């Protein structure tokens, strides 16, 4: 009798694990790719403390494929370093300085 109860518990955990795995696969594959002609442009200046969390929350579940443009307006803190670290972690974005950003915006 004890053996049947143990097998029942093991099977319940196995079925639960499979259902959770299927749920995660569905969740990970339901985000939408941002269209190529849509650009999200952010200007930043001296926001070292909050920019990492903001970009992570903004890009969670999305792949911008370089449609996220961040223009640094001559920050005096480590904002640009934080952004470059995020870029290294494979958060797809373009980081531009003030002059590059101005030229980019003029060409739109």
Protein backbone atom coordinates (compact mmCIF):
# COMPACT_ATOMS: atom_id res chain seq x y z
CA UNK A 1 0.00 0.00 0.00
CA UNK A 2 2.82 2.39 0.88
CA UNK A 3 4.45 1.63 -2.46
CA UNK A 4 1.30 2.72 -4.34
CA UNK A 5 1.16 5.99 -2.39
CA UNK A 6 4.84 6.74 -3.14
CA UNK A 7 4.34 5.99 -6.84
CA UNK A 8 1.26 8.22 -6.85
CA UNK A 9 3.19 11.10 -5.29
CA UNK A 10 6.09 10.65 -7.73
CA UNK A 11 3.71 10.67 -10.69
CA UNK A 12 1.96 13.79 -9.38
CA UNK A 13 5.30 15.61 -9.17
CA UNK A 14 6.27 14.39 -12.65
CA UNK A 15 3.01 15.57 -14.21
CA UNK A 16 3.25 18.89 -12.36
CA UNK A 17 6.84 19.37 -13.61
CA UNK A 18 5.82 18.68 -17.20
CA UNK A 19 2.93 21.15 -16.96
CA UNK A 20 5.19 23.87 -15.52
CA UNK A 21 7.74 23.23 -18.27
CA UNK A 22 5.05 23.56 -20.97
CA UNK A 23 3.79 26.76 -19.35
CA UNK A 24 7.30 28.28 -19.37
CA UNK A 25 7.86 27.32 -23.00
CA UNK A 26 4.59 28.99 -23.98
CA UNK A 27 5.37 32.08 -21.90
CA UNK A 28 8.85 32.44 -23.40
CA UNK A 29 7.59 32.14 -26.96
CA UNK A 30 4.63 34.50 -26.81
CA UNK A 31 6.44 37.83 -26.79
CA UNK A 32 6.17 39.87 -29.95
CA UNK A 33 9.09 41.08 -31.96
CA UNK A 34 9.12 44.85 -32.24
CA UNK A 35 8.69 45.85 -35.86
CA UNK A 36 11.78 47.15 -37.63
CA UNK A 37 10.26 50.54 -38.45
CA UNK A 38 9.31 51.33 -34.84
CA UNK A 39 12.02 53.03 -32.78
CA UNK A 40 11.98 53.76 -29.07
CA UNK A 41 14.29 56.68 -28.38
CA UNK A 42 15.33 57.66 -24.84
CA UNK A 43 17.45 60.59 -23.83
CA UNK A 44 19.34 60.21 -20.57
CA UNK A 45 21.50 62.43 -18.41
CA UNK A 46 22.93 61.59 -14.99
CA UNK A 47 20.61 58.66 -14.27
CA UNK A 48 23.20 56.10 -13.20
CA UNK A 49 21.11 54.89 -10.25
CA UNK A 50 17.89 54.09 -12.10
CA UNK A 51 18.74 53.43 -15.73
CA UNK A 52 19.66 49.75 -15.33
CA UNK A 53 16.35 48.75 -13.76
CA UNK A 54 14.40 50.88 -16.23
CA UNK A 55 16.04 49.33 -19.29
CA UNK A 56 15.71 45.81 -17.88
CA UNK A 57 12.00 46.30 -17.15
CA UNK A 58 11.46 47.92 -20.53
CA UNK A 59 13.16 45.12 -22.44
CA UNK A 60 11.81 42.19 -20.37
CA UNK A 61 10.21 39.66 -22.71
CA UNK A 62 10.97 41.73 -25.78
CA UNK A 63 13.78 41.75 -28.25
CA UNK A 64 14.20 45.20 -29.68
CA UNK A 65 16.73 44.22 -32.38
CA UNK A 66 18.44 47.60 -31.99
CA UNK A 67 15.13 49.48 -32.03
CA UNK A 68 15.92 50.88 -28.59
CA UNK A 69 18.02 54.01 -29.07
CA UNK A 70 19.57 55.63 -25.99
CA UNK A 71 21.03 59.11 -26.43
CA UNK A 72 23.32 60.25 -23.63
CA UNK A 73 23.18 64.02 -23.12
CA UNK A 74 26.70 64.37 -21.70
CA UNK A 75 26.14 62.62 -18.37
CA UNK A 76 28.65 63.47 -15.69
CA UNK A 77 28.16 60.22 -13.76
CA UNK A 78 28.57 56.58 -14.86
CA UNK A 79 25.34 56.38 -16.86
CA UNK A 80 27.16 55.49 -20.07
CA UNK A 81 29.15 52.74 -18.28
CA UNK A 82 25.94 51.18 -16.95
CA UNK A 83 24.43 51.27 -20.44
CA UNK A 84 27.51 49.66 -21.98
CA UNK A 85 27.37 46.87 -19.37
CA UNK A 86 23.73 46.24 -20.30
CA UNK A 87 24.72 46.14 -23.95
CA UNK A 88 27.36 43.50 -23.14
CA UNK A 89 24.63 41.42 -21.48
CA UNK A 90 22.93 41.16 -24.86
CA UNK A 91 20.26 43.80 -24.33
CA UNK A 92 19.98 44.99 -27.91
CA UNK A 93 20.17 48.76 -28.06
CA UNK A 94 22.16 51.50 -29.67
CA UNK A 95 23.96 53.92 -27.38
CA UNK A 96 24.68 57.30 -28.92
CA UNK A 97 26.35 60.39 -27.54
CA UNK A 98 24.76 63.82 -27.92
CA UNK A 99 26.25 64.58 -31.35
CA UNK A 100 25.56 61.13 -32.76
CA UNK A 101 22.02 61.36 -31.43
CA UNK A 102 21.48 64.73 -33.08
CA UNK A 103 22.65 63.36 -36.44
CA UNK A 104 20.53 60.24 -35.99
CA UNK A 105 17.40 62.28 -35.27
CA UNK A 106 18.04 64.55 -38.25
CA UNK A 107 18.21 61.53 -40.55
CA UNK A 108 14.86 60.10 -39.45
